[in-house]
Amino acid sequence: MKQSAAQTKLPQQQPPPPSRNKDDLSWMPPIGAIFLIFNSIFAIYRSRDDIPTVVFIIAANIALAFLFGASVLTRMHRKNRSKNIRSPSGPWPLC
């Protein structure tokens, strides 16, 4: 006697383990920013007599701030965009 698929009891499958959420590492950017600020202040202090080096460090930090800001805006844009809209090209000149 054949049993139909509805009558055959299949073992229940366990749900997959919860995957890591993208927000699990949300503490990394603030730690990285604190490290960057501390390192930049220390580098400016060590080269306080060399004005071009201090200007370079400040300019590099400003460029990094714009790059990180553009990255956040790009991520927000990708969440809200339709398929017809092109991605912004703002971060590329900062690289």
Protein backbone atom coordinates (compact mmCIF):
# COMPACT_ATOMS: atom_id res chain seq x y z
CA MET A 1 0.00 0.00 0.00
CA LYS A 2 1.42 3.33 -1.06
CA GLN A 3 1.29 6.33 1.24
CA SER A 4 0.66 9.75 -0.16
CA ALA A 5 3.03 12.65 0.52
CA ALA A 6 0.56 14.15 2.99
CA GLN A 7 0.44 10.94 5.01
CA THR A 8 4.22 10.47 5.07
CA LYS A 9 5.70 12.17 8.06
CA LEU A 10 8.91 13.94 7.27
CA PRO A 11 11.26 14.89 10.06
CA GLN A 12 10.90 18.53 10.98
CA GLN A 13 13.77 20.69 9.94
CA GLN A 14 15.34 22.91 12.54
CA PRO A 15 15.39 26.60 11.68
CA PRO A 16 18.84 27.83 10.70
CA PRO A 17 20.88 29.40 13.47
CA PRO A 18 20.50 33.15 13.65
CA SER A 19 23.02 34.78 11.41
CA ARG A 20 25.17 37.65 12.50
CA ASN A 21 23.28 40.86 12.21
CA LYS A 22 24.95 43.73 10.32
CA ASP A 23 24.58 45.83 13.45
CA ASP A 24 26.71 43.43 15.51
CA LEU A 25 29.82 45.43 14.64
CA SER A 26 28.27 48.85 15.09
CA TRP A 27 30.85 49.63 17.76
CA MET A 28 33.74 49.46 15.26
CA PRO A 29 33.35 52.88 13.54
CA PRO A 30 33.41 54.87 16.81
CA ILE A 31 36.47 52.92 18.01
CA GLY A 32 38.18 53.55 14.67
CA ALA A 33 37.31 57.25 14.82
CA ILE A 34 38.70 57.55 18.36
CA PHE A 35 41.89 55.77 17.28
CA LEU A 36 42.25 58.04 14.24
CA ILE A 37 41.72 61.18 16.30
CA PHE A 38 44.21 60.07 18.95
CA ASN A 39 46.78 59.10 16.33
CA SER A 40 46.32 62.40 14.47
CA ILE A 41 46.67 64.49 17.62
CA PHE A 42 49.82 62.59 18.56
CA ALA A 43 51.25 63.02 15.03
CA ILE A 44 50.52 66.77 15.09
CA TYR A 45 52.14 67.05 18.51
CA ARG A 46 55.27 65.23 17.35
CA SER A 47 55.60 67.38 14.22
CA ARG A 48 54.44 70.69 15.70
CA ASP A 49 57.57 72.47 14.40
CA ASP A 50 57.04 71.24 10.83
CA ILE A 51 54.13 73.29 9.47
CA PRO A 52 53.73 71.46 6.10
CA THR A 53 53.40 68.12 7.92
CA VAL A 54 50.76 69.52 10.27
CA VAL A 55 48.83 70.94 7.30
CA PHE A 56 49.04 67.57 5.53
CA ILE A 57 47.72 65.69 8.58
CA ILE A 58 44.81 68.10 8.96
CA ALA A 59 44.00 67.96 5.22
CA ALA A 60 44.13 64.14 5.26
CA ASN A 61 41.75 64.02 8.22
CA ILE A 62 39.32 66.39 6.51
CA ALA A 63 39.42 64.25 3.35
CA LEU A 64 38.78 61.12 5.44
CA ALA A 65 35.84 62.79 7.17
CA PHE A 66 34.32 63.67 3.78
CA LEU A 67 34.98 60.15 2.50
CA PHE A 68 33.29 58.51 5.49
CA GLY A 69 30.38 60.94 5.22
CA ALA A 70 29.98 60.20 1.52
CA SER A 71 30.12 56.48 2.30
CA VAL A 72 27.27 56.82 4.79
CA LEU A 73 25.23 58.87 2.32
CA THR A 74 25.88 56.29 -0.41
CA ARG A 75 24.69 53.46 1.85
CA MET A 76 21.55 55.43 2.69
CA HIS A 77 21.02 56.17 -1.01
CA ARG A 78 21.34 52.48 -1.96
CA LYS A 79 18.66 51.51 0.55
CA ASN A 80 16.19 54.01 -0.91
CA ARG A 81 16.96 53.96 -4.61
CA SER A 82 15.06 52.43 -7.44
CA LYS A 83 16.83 50.46 -10.15
CA ASN A 84 16.77 53.35 -12.62
CA ILE A 85 18.80 55.81 -10.53
CA ARG A 86 22.56 55.86 -10.83
CA SER A 87 24.74 55.81 -7.73
CA PRO A 88 26.31 59.09 -6.69
CA SER A 89 29.94 59.53 -7.69
CA GLY A 90 30.80 61.90 -4.84
CA PRO A 91 33.33 59.71 -2.98
CA TRP A 92 35.52 58.97 -6.00
CA PRO A 93 37.42 62.30 -6.13
CA LEU A 94 38.26 61.89 -2.44
CA CYS A 95 40.13 58.66 -3.11
